[in-house]
Amino acid sequence: LKEGKFLWEDKKVLSAQVKDLSSSTIQIVAQVEGKFNHIYKQQVEIERGESCLLDSSCSCSLGFDCQHIAAVTFYLEECLE
């Protein structure tokens, strides 16, 4: 989480767009700039009622539960209503 917060504070979340919206979930695709200016792609699914993360993936070597997903989560917390 700490590394994800640093990425978010450094404005490394380049984009976040709604991919799909249903009555119960929202799917978002995002891009975060990581080390060495590498761009990683994320996909997150959020339950709309409770605003909890249901599923996530990232194109980095970890693939999930990484600092890039954390950065997107901090970004969405600030920007998504």
N, C-alpha and C. Protein backbone atom coordinates (compact mmCIF):
# COMPACT_ATOMS: atom_id res chain seq x y z
N LEU A 1 0.81 -1.20 0.00
CA LEU A 1 0.00 0.00 0.00
C LEU A 1 0.85 1.26 0.00
N LYS A 2 1.95 1.22 0.74
CA LYS A 2 2.81 2.40 0.84
C LYS A 2 3.36 2.79 -0.53
N GLU A 3 3.83 1.81 -1.29
CA GLU A 3 4.36 2.10 -2.62
C GLU A 3 3.25 2.59 -3.55
N GLY A 4 2.06 2.03 -3.42
CA GLY A 4 0.92 2.48 -4.22
C GLY A 4 0.54 3.91 -3.90
N LYS A 5 0.60 4.27 -2.63
CA LYS A 5 0.29 5.65 -2.24
C LYS A 5 1.32 6.61 -2.81
N PHE A 6 2.59 6.21 -2.81
CA PHE A 6 3.63 7.05 -3.42
C PHE A 6 3.36 7.25 -4.90
N LEU A 7 2.98 6.19 -5.62
CA LEU A 7 2.68 6.31 -7.05
C LEU A 7 1.52 7.26 -7.26
N TRP A 8 0.48 7.14 -6.44
CA TRP A 8 -0.69 8.01 -6.57
C TRP A 8 -0.32 9.45 -6.27
N GLU A 9 0.44 9.68 -5.19
CA GLU A 9 0.84 11.04 -4.83
C GLU A 9 1.73 11.66 -5.89
N ASP A 10 2.52 10.85 -6.57
CA ASP A 10 3.41 11.34 -7.63
C ASP A 10 2.70 11.46 -8.97
N LYS A 11 1.38 11.31 -8.96
CA LYS A 11 0.56 11.47 -10.18
C LYS A 11 0.95 10.46 -11.27
N LYS A 12 1.25 9.22 -10.86
CA LYS A 12 1.63 8.17 -11.80
C LYS A 12 0.44 7.42 -12.36
N VAL A 13 -0.78 7.67 -11.83
CA VAL A 13 -1.98 7.09 -12.43
C VAL A 13 -2.30 7.95 -13.66
N LEU A 14 -2.08 7.37 -14.83
CA LEU A 14 -2.20 8.13 -16.08
C LEU A 14 -3.63 8.21 -16.59
N SER A 15 -4.40 7.15 -16.36
CA SER A 15 -5.79 7.16 -16.83
C SER A 15 -6.59 6.14 -16.04
N ALA A 16 -7.90 6.37 -15.98
CA ALA A 16 -8.85 5.43 -15.40
C ALA A 16 -10.18 5.67 -16.09
N GLN A 17 -10.71 4.63 -16.70
CA GLN A 17 -11.95 4.76 -17.46
C GLN A 17 -12.90 3.64 -17.07
N VAL A 18 -14.19 3.97 -17.07
CA VAL A 18 -15.22 2.96 -16.82
C VAL A 18 -15.32 2.08 -18.06
N LYS A 19 -15.13 0.79 -17.85
CA LYS A 19 -15.24 -0.18 -18.93
C LYS A 19 -16.66 -0.74 -19.01
N ASP A 20 -17.25 -1.01 -17.84
CA ASP A 20 -18.59 -1.58 -17.79
C ASP A 20 -19.26 -1.14 -16.50
N LEU A 21 -20.55 -0.86 -16.60
CA LEU A 21 -21.31 -0.39 -15.46
C LEU A 21 -22.61 -1.16 -15.40
N SER A 22 -22.84 -1.85 -14.31
CA SER A 22 -24.11 -2.54 -14.12
C SER A 22 -24.74 -2.01 -12.83
N SER A 23 -25.90 -2.53 -12.50
CA SER A 23 -26.57 -2.06 -11.28
C SER A 23 -25.82 -2.45 -10.02
N SER A 24 -24.97 -3.50 -10.10
CA SER A 24 -24.28 -3.97 -8.90
C SER A 24 -22.76 -3.77 -8.93
N THR A 25 -22.16 -3.66 -10.11
CA THR A 25 -20.70 -3.54 -10.20
C THR A 25 -20.28 -2.47 -11.20
N ILE A 26 -19.04 -2.05 -11.05
CA ILE A 26 -18.41 -1.15 -12.01
C ILE A 26 -17.03 -1.72 -12.32
N GLN A 27 -16.71 -1.82 -13.61
CA GLN A 27 -15.39 -2.28 -14.02
C GLN A 27 -14.62 -1.09 -14.59
N ILE A 28 -13.39 -0.97 -14.14
CA ILE A 28 -12.55 0.15 -14.55
C ILE A 28 -11.24 -0.36 -15.10
N VAL A 29 -10.79 0.24 -16.19
CA VAL A 29 -9.46 -0.04 -16.73
C VAL A 29 -8.61 1.20 -16.49
N ALA A 30 -7.35 0.97 -16.15
CA ALA A 30 -6.47 2.08 -15.80
C ALA A 30 -5.06 1.81 -16.30
N GLN A 31 -4.25 2.86 -16.25
CA GLN A 31 -2.84 2.76 -16.59
C GLN A 31 -2.04 3.53 -15.54
N VAL A 32 -0.96 2.88 -15.08
CA VAL A 32 -0.09 3.47 -14.07
C VAL A 32 1.34 3.39 -14.57
N GLU A 33 2.07 4.49 -14.41
CA GLU A 33 3.48 4.49 -14.78
C GLU A 33 4.30 3.97 -13.60
N GLY A 34 5.08 2.94 -13.87
CA GLY A 34 5.91 2.34 -12.83
C GLY A 34 7.37 2.72 -13.00
N LYS A 35 8.23 1.87 -12.48
CA LYS A 35 9.67 2.12 -12.56
C LYS A 35 10.13 2.14 -14.02
N PHE A 36 11.15 2.92 -14.27
CA PHE A 36 11.76 3.03 -15.59
C PHE A 36 10.76 3.46 -16.66
N ASN A 37 9.75 4.25 -16.26
CA ASN A 37 8.72 4.79 -17.15
C ASN A 37 7.90 3.71 -17.83
N HIS A 38 7.87 2.50 -17.27
CA HIS A 38 7.07 1.42 -17.84
C HIS A 38 5.60 1.64 -17.49
N ILE A 39 4.72 1.47 -18.47
CA ILE A 39 3.29 1.65 -18.28
C ILE A 39 2.65 0.29 -18.04
N TYR A 40 1.95 0.15 -16.90
CA TYR A 40 1.24 -1.07 -16.56
C TYR A 40 -0.26 -0.83 -16.68
N LYS A 41 -0.97 -1.87 -17.11
CA LYS A 41 -2.42 -1.78 -17.30
C LYS A 41 -3.12 -2.57 -16.19
N GLN A 42 -4.16 -1.96 -15.63
CA GLN A 42 -4.93 -2.58 -14.57
C GLN A 42 -6.39 -2.70 -14.97
N GLN A 43 -7.05 -3.66 -14.36
CA GLN A 43 -8.49 -3.79 -14.47
C GLN A 43 -9.01 -4.10 -13.07
N VAL A 44 -9.98 -3.32 -12.61
CA VAL A 44 -10.55 -3.52 -11.29
C VAL A 44 -12.07 -3.61 -11.40
N GLU A 45 -12.64 -4.40 -10.54
CA GLU A 45 -14.10 -4.52 -10.46
C GLU A 45 -14.50 -4.18 -9.03
N ILE A 46 -15.44 -3.25 -8.92
CA ILE A 46 -15.87 -2.73 -7.62
C ILE A 46 -17.36 -3.00 -7.44
N GLU A 47 -17.73 -3.44 -6.26
CA GLU A 47 -19.13 -3.62 -5.92
C GLU A 47 -19.68 -2.23 -5.58
N ARG A 48 -20.73 -1.83 -6.27
CA ARG A 48 -21.20 -0.45 -6.16
C ARG A 48 -21.83 -0.12 -4.81
N GLY A 49 -22.57 -1.03 -4.22
CA GLY A 49 -23.26 -0.73 -2.97
C GLY A 49 -22.32 -0.50 -1.81
N GLU A 50 -21.34 -1.36 -1.66
CA GLU A 50 -20.41 -1.27 -0.54
C GLU A 50 -19.08 -0.62 -0.91
N SER A 51 -18.88 -0.34 -2.19
CA SER A 51 -17.62 0.23 -2.70
C SER A 51 -16.41 -0.61 -2.32
N CYS A 52 -16.57 -1.93 -2.42
CA CYS A 52 -15.43 -2.80 -2.10
C CYS A 52 -14.89 -3.43 -3.39
N LEU A 53 -13.60 -3.66 -3.38
CA LEU A 53 -12.91 -4.24 -4.53
C LEU A 53 -13.23 -5.73 -4.61
N LEU A 54 -13.80 -6.15 -5.73
CA LEU A 54 -14.16 -7.56 -5.92
C LEU A 54 -13.07 -8.35 -6.62
N ASP A 55 -12.44 -7.73 -7.62
CA ASP A 55 -11.43 -8.42 -8.41
C ASP A 55 -10.49 -7.38 -9.01
N SER A 56 -9.25 -7.80 -9.26
CA SER A 56 -8.30 -6.89 -9.89
C SER A 56 -7.23 -7.68 -10.61
N SER A 57 -6.65 -7.04 -11.61
CA SER A 57 -5.51 -7.64 -12.31
C SER A 57 -4.62 -6.50 -12.81
N CYS A 58 -3.33 -6.84 -13.00
CA CYS A 58 -2.35 -5.87 -13.47
C CYS A 58 -1.40 -6.57 -14.42
N SER A 59 -0.86 -5.83 -15.36
CA SER A 59 0.07 -6.40 -16.33
C SER A 59 1.50 -6.51 -15.80
N CYS A 60 1.74 -6.11 -14.54
CA CYS A 60 3.07 -6.24 -13.96
C CYS A 60 3.37 -7.71 -13.63
N SER A 61 4.57 -7.97 -13.18
CA SER A 61 4.97 -9.35 -12.92
C SER A 61 4.19 -10.00 -11.77
N LEU A 62 3.69 -9.22 -10.82
CA LEU A 62 2.87 -9.79 -9.75
C LEU A 62 1.49 -10.18 -10.25
N GLY A 63 0.90 -9.33 -11.09
CA GLY A 63 -0.40 -9.64 -11.69
C GLY A 63 -1.60 -9.22 -10.87
N PHE A 64 -1.48 -9.14 -9.55
CA PHE A 64 -2.58 -8.73 -8.69
C PHE A 64 -2.01 -8.30 -7.34
N ASP A 65 -2.84 -7.61 -6.55
CA ASP A 65 -2.43 -7.14 -5.22
C ASP A 65 -1.07 -6.43 -5.23
N CYS A 66 -0.87 -5.58 -6.20
CA CYS A 66 0.42 -4.89 -6.37
C CYS A 66 0.26 -3.40 -6.08
N GLN A 67 1.38 -2.69 -6.10
CA GLN A 67 1.38 -1.25 -5.86
C GLN A 67 0.62 -0.49 -6.94
N HIS A 68 0.55 -1.03 -8.14
CA HIS A 68 -0.17 -0.35 -9.23
C HIS A 68 -1.68 -0.38 -8.97
N ILE A 69 -2.19 -1.52 -8.51
CA ILE A 69 -3.61 -1.62 -8.14
C ILE A 69 -3.89 -0.69 -6.95
N ALA A 70 -2.98 -0.65 -5.99
CA ALA A 70 -3.15 0.24 -4.83
C ALA A 70 -3.21 1.70 -5.29
N ALA A 71 -2.34 2.08 -6.22
CA ALA A 71 -2.35 3.46 -6.73
C ALA A 71 -3.69 3.79 -7.39
N VAL A 72 -4.21 2.85 -8.18
CA VAL A 72 -5.51 3.06 -8.83
C VAL A 72 -6.61 3.18 -7.77
N THR A 73 -6.53 2.37 -6.74
CA THR A 73 -7.54 2.41 -5.66
C THR A 73 -7.52 3.76 -4.96
N PHE A 74 -6.35 4.29 -4.65
CA PHE A 74 -6.26 5.63 -4.05
C PHE A 74 -6.82 6.68 -5.00
N TYR A 75 -6.52 6.56 -6.28
CA TYR A 75 -7.02 7.50 -7.29
C TYR A 75 -8.54 7.46 -7.34
N LEU A 76 -9.11 6.25 -7.40
CA LEU A 76 -10.56 6.12 -7.48
C LEU A 76 -11.25 6.63 -6.22
N GLU A 77 -10.62 6.39 -5.09
CA GLU A 77 -11.19 6.88 -3.83
C GLU A 77 -11.32 8.39 -3.85
N GLU A 78 -10.38 9.07 -4.47
CA GLU A 78 -10.44 10.53 -4.55
C GLU A 78 -11.37 11.01 -5.65
N CYS A 79 -11.41 10.31 -6.78
CA CYS A 79 -12.06 10.85 -7.97
C CYS A 79 -13.41 10.24 -8.33
N LEU A 80 -13.71 9.06 -7.82
CA LEU A 80 -14.94 8.37 -8.22
C LEU A 80 -16.07 8.63 -7.24
N GLU A 81 -17.18 9.08 -7.76
CA GLU A 81 -18.36 9.31 -6.92
C GLU A 81 -19.44 8.33 -7.29
